[in-house]
């Protein structure tokens, strides 16, 4: 005997998943934060507070750069490589977490990445409390 299946009116293709608004909100927030940092990113001392107006041009370097490229080219390559590698690591961690939530390898990568982000703070913090005249 065949039985009739009942279909809920909210189960159709027009029904949106519950988490879609939260996901879109997080994506918009992440893009806004990245956009903020990208807009305010500068190369060199461009702020009038710290720039030396008496220096013009590029000072001569004691050695040649690799492949004859300038330091600005290498700095740009490093910045682009950092962003690409960050996106790759995040994508791989998300994919691995979806496949095996709580896997030790993913947790170790997250912990190692957190340590790297904390390194500048740990290098600066011990010197923040001392009197510079000592």
C-alpha atoms as a PDB file:
ATOM      1  CA  UNK A   1       0.000   0.000   0.000  1.00  0.00           C
ATOM      2  CA  UNK A   2       1.222   3.449  -0.860  1.00  0.00           C
ATOM      3  CA  UNK A   3       0.959   6.153   1.738  1.00  0.00           C
ATOM      4  CA  UNK A   4       0.456   9.810   0.978  1.00  0.00           C
ATOM      5  CA  UNK A   5       3.210  12.131   2.095  1.00  0.00           C
ATOM      6  CA  UNK A   6       2.313  15.472   3.596  1.00  0.00           C
ATOM      7  CA  UNK A   7       4.432  18.435   2.674  1.00  0.00           C
ATOM      8  CA  UNK A   8       4.732  21.381   5.006  1.00  0.00           C
ATOM      9  CA  UNK A   9       4.131  24.748   3.311  1.00  0.00           C
ATOM     10  CA  UNK A  10       7.268  26.185   4.925  1.00  0.00           C
ATOM     11  CA  UNK A  11       9.503  23.353   3.691  1.00  0.00           C
ATOM     12  CA  UNK A  12       9.484  24.496   0.073  1.00  0.00           C
ATOM     13  CA  UNK A  13      12.381  26.037  -1.826  1.00  0.00           C
ATOM     14  CA  UNK A  14      11.184  29.551  -0.947  1.00  0.00           C
ATOM     15  CA  UNK A  15      11.860  28.961   2.764  1.00  0.00           C
ATOM     16  CA  UNK A  16      15.170  30.532   3.837  1.00  0.00           C
ATOM     17  CA  UNK A  17      17.495  28.745   6.258  1.00  0.00           C
ATOM     18  CA  UNK A  18      17.483  30.137   9.790  1.00  0.00           C
ATOM     19  CA  UNK A  19      21.184  30.941   9.852  1.00  0.00           C
ATOM     20  CA  UNK A  20      21.342  32.787   6.529  1.00  0.00           C
ATOM     21  CA  UNK A  21      20.793  36.246   8.049  1.00  0.00           C
ATOM     22  CA  UNK A  22      23.484  35.634  10.660  1.00  0.00           C
ATOM     23  CA  UNK A  23      25.874  34.368   7.978  1.00  0.00           C
ATOM     24  CA  UNK A  24      25.282  37.384   5.768  1.00  0.00           C
ATOM     25  CA  UNK A  25      25.738  39.678   8.779  1.00  0.00           C
ATOM     26  CA  UNK A  26      29.102  38.076   9.647  1.00  0.00           C
ATOM     27  CA  UNK A  27      30.279  38.276   6.035  1.00  0.00           C
ATOM     28  CA  UNK A  28      29.300  41.959   5.796  1.00  0.00           C
ATOM     29  CA  UNK A  29      31.035  42.660   9.122  1.00  0.00           C
ATOM     30  CA  UNK A  30      34.215  40.858   7.995  1.00  0.00           C
ATOM     31  CA  UNK A  31      34.275  42.751   4.679  1.00  0.00           C
ATOM     32  CA  UNK A  32      33.713  46.050   6.513  1.00  0.00           C
ATOM     33  CA  UNK A  33      36.602  45.377   8.915  1.00  0.00           C
ATOM     34  CA  UNK A  34      38.911  44.353   6.073  1.00  0.00           C
ATOM     35  CA  UNK A  35      37.842  47.413   4.107  1.00  0.00           C
ATOM     36  CA  UNK A  36      38.591  49.636   7.109  1.00  0.00           C
ATOM     37  CA  UNK A  37      42.100  48.225   7.420  1.00  0.00           C
ATOM     38  CA  UNK A  38      42.700  48.377   3.666  1.00  0.00           C
ATOM     39  CA  UNK A  39      41.606  52.022   3.524  1.00  0.00           C
ATOM     40  CA  UNK A  40      43.857  53.048   6.408  1.00  0.00           C
ATOM     41  CA  UNK A  41      46.860  50.954   5.326  1.00  0.00           C
ATOM     42  CA  UNK A  42      49.805  53.121   4.336  1.00  0.00           C
ATOM     43  CA  UNK A  43      53.347  52.413   3.260  1.00  0.00           C
ATOM     44  CA  UNK A  44      55.955  54.400   5.105  1.00  0.00           C
ATOM     45  CA  UNK A  45      55.682  57.440   7.343  1.00  0.00           C
ATOM     46  CA  UNK A  46      52.939  59.409   5.606  1.00  0.00           C
ATOM     47  CA  UNK A  47      51.423  60.993   8.695  1.00  0.00           C
ATOM     48  CA  UNK A  48      52.593  64.589   9.231  1.00  0.00           C
ATOM     49  CA  UNK A  49      53.054  63.716  12.913  1.00  0.00           C
ATOM     50  CA  UNK A  50      55.965  61.338  12.212  1.00  0.00           C
ATOM     51  CA  UNK A  51      57.125  62.099   8.657  1.00  0.00           C
ATOM     52  CA  UNK A  52      60.389  63.972   8.147  1.00  0.00           C
ATOM     53  CA  UNK A  53      59.715  66.658   5.512  1.00  0.00           C
ATOM     54  CA  UNK A  54      63.433  67.266   4.963  1.00  0.00           C
ATOM     55  CA  UNK A  55      63.999  63.836   3.409  1.00  0.00           C
ATOM     56  CA  UNK A  56      63.259  63.657  -0.304  1.00  0.00           C
ATOM     57  CA  UNK A  57      63.687  60.788  -2.690  1.00  0.00           C
ATOM     58  CA  UNK A  58      64.850  57.283  -1.865  1.00  0.00           C
ATOM     59  CA  UNK A  59      68.107  57.003   0.105  1.00  0.00           C
ATOM     60  CA  UNK A  60      70.748  54.783  -1.500  1.00  0.00           C
ATOM     61  CA  UNK A  61      70.889  51.232  -0.167  1.00  0.00           C
ATOM     62  CA  UNK A  62      74.159  49.485   0.759  1.00  0.00           C
ATOM     63  CA  UNK A  63      73.271  46.442  -1.391  1.00  0.00           C
ATOM     64  CA  UNK A  64      71.125  45.744  -4.429  1.00  0.00           C
ATOM     65  CA  UNK A  65      67.702  44.151  -4.016  1.00  0.00           C
ATOM     66  CA  UNK A  66      67.005  40.653  -5.267  1.00  0.00           C
ATOM     67  CA  UNK A  67      66.270  40.528  -8.994  1.00  0.00           C
ATOM     68  CA  UNK A  68      66.803  44.297  -9.234  1.00  0.00           C
ATOM     69  CA  UNK A  69      63.382  45.064  -7.783  1.00  0.00           C
ATOM     70  CA  UNK A  70      62.761  47.963  -5.416  1.00  0.00           C
ATOM     71  CA  UNK A  71      61.893  47.640  -1.739  1.00  0.00           C
ATOM     72  CA  UNK A  72      58.347  48.901  -2.435  1.00  0.00           C
ATOM     73  CA  UNK A  73      57.846  45.980  -4.840  1.00  0.00           C
ATOM     74  CA  UNK A  74      59.007  43.452  -2.250  1.00  0.00           C
ATOM     75  CA  UNK A  75      56.845  45.053   0.438  1.00  0.00           C
ATOM     76  CA  UNK A  76      53.807  44.870  -1.833  1.00  0.00           C
ATOM     77  CA  UNK A  77      54.551  41.212  -2.616  1.00  0.00           C
ATOM     78  CA  UNK A  78      54.808  40.417   1.089  1.00  0.00           C
ATOM     79  CA  UNK A  79      51.509  42.151   1.868  1.00  0.00           C
ATOM     80  CA  UNK A  80      49.651  40.390  -0.945  1.00  0.00           C
ATOM     81  CA  UNK A  81      51.216  37.052   0.015  1.00  0.00           C
ATOM     82  CA  UNK A  82      50.167  37.547   3.638  1.00  0.00           C
ATOM     83  CA  UNK A  83      46.545  38.206   2.672  1.00  0.00           C
ATOM     84  CA  UNK A  84      46.473  35.245   0.266  1.00  0.00           C
ATOM     85  CA  UNK A  85      47.977  32.874   2.827  1.00  0.00           C
ATOM     86  CA  UNK A  86      45.608  34.134   5.546  1.00  0.00           C
ATOM     87  CA  UNK A  87      42.582  33.491   3.328  1.00  0.00           C
ATOM     88  CA  UNK A  88      43.940  30.058   2.384  1.00  0.00           C
ATOM     89  CA  UNK A  89      44.539  29.047   6.015  1.00  0.00           C
ATOM     90  CA  UNK A  90      41.091  30.271   7.074  1.00  0.00           C
ATOM     91  CA  UNK A  91      39.419  28.421   4.178  1.00  0.00           C
ATOM     92  CA  UNK A  92      41.301  25.204   4.950  1.00  0.00           C
ATOM     93  CA  UNK A  93      40.481  25.437   8.667  1.00  0.00           C
ATOM     94  CA  UNK A  94      36.784  26.023   7.958  1.00  0.00           C
ATOM     95  CA  UNK A  95      36.687  23.102   5.519  1.00  0.00           C
ATOM     96  CA  UNK A  96      38.477  20.803   7.944  1.00  0.00           C
ATOM     97  CA  UNK A  97      36.211  21.895  10.819  1.00  0.00           C
ATOM     98  CA  UNK A  98      33.095  21.132   8.742  1.00  0.00           C
ATOM     99  CA  UNK A  99      34.400  17.665   7.910  1.00  0.00           C
ATOM    100  CA  UNK A 100      35.631  16.745  11.406  1.00  0.00           C
ATOM    101  CA  UNK A 101      34.564  19.232  14.098  1.00  0.00           C
ATOM    102  CA  UNK A 102      37.052  19.509  16.949  1.00  0.00           C
ATOM    103  CA  UNK A 103      39.870  17.674  15.179  1.00  0.00           C
ATOM    104  CA  UNK A 104      43.205  18.177  17.004  1.00  0.00           C
ATOM    105  CA  UNK A 105      45.035  19.350  13.871  1.00  0.00           C
ATOM    106  CA  UNK A 106      42.546  22.185  13.301  1.00  0.00           C
ATOM    107  CA  UNK A 107      42.717  23.162  16.972  1.00  0.00           C
ATOM    108  CA  UNK A 108      46.553  23.218  16.812  1.00  0.00           C
ATOM    109  CA  UNK A 109      46.498  25.451  13.717  1.00  0.00           C
ATOM    110  CA  UNK A 110      44.084  27.846  15.449  1.00  0.00           C
ATOM    111  CA  UNK A 111      46.231  27.920  18.594  1.00  0.00           C
ATOM    112  CA  UNK A 112      49.445  28.519  16.613  1.00  0.00           C
ATOM    113  CA  UNK A 113      47.776  31.331  14.671  1.00  0.00           C
ATOM    114  CA  UNK A 114      46.537  32.935  17.899  1.00  0.00           C
ATOM    115  CA  UNK A 115      50.070  32.853  19.320  1.00  0.00           C
ATOM    116  CA  UNK A 116      51.446  34.619  16.238  1.00  0.00           C
ATOM    117  CA  UNK A 117      48.863  37.407  16.570  1.00  0.00           C
ATOM    118  CA  UNK A 118      49.762  37.862  20.243  1.00  0.00           C
ATOM    119  CA  UNK A 119      53.516  38.059  19.633  1.00  0.00           C
ATOM    120  CA  UNK A 120      53.726  41.861  19.080  1.00  0.00           C
ATOM    121  CA  UNK A 121      51.736  42.484  22.239  1.00  0.00           C
ATOM    122  CA  UNK A 122      54.013  40.191  24.243  1.00  0.00           C
ATOM    123  CA  UNK A 123      57.111  41.905  22.842  1.00  0.00           C
ATOM    124  CA  UNK A 124      55.806  45.377  23.691  1.00  0.00           C
ATOM    125  CA  UNK A 125      54.057  44.774  27.021  1.00  0.00           C
ATOM    126  CA  UNK A 126      57.099  44.210  29.278  1.00  0.00           C
ATOM    127  CA  UNK A 127      58.523  47.610  28.338  1.00  0.00           C
ATOM    128  CA  UNK A 128      55.295  49.577  28.759  1.00  0.00           C
ATOM    129  CA  UNK A 129      55.522  49.845  32.556  1.00  0.00           C
ATOM    130  CA  UNK A 130      59.106  51.084  32.884  1.00  0.00           C
ATOM    131  CA  UNK A 131      60.200  54.681  33.125  1.00  0.00           C
ATOM    132  CA  UNK A 132      62.209  55.446  29.926  1.00  0.00           C
ATOM    133  CA  UNK A 133      64.606  57.663  31.948  1.00  0.00           C
ATOM    134  CA  UNK A 134      65.995  54.642  33.832  1.00  0.00           C
END
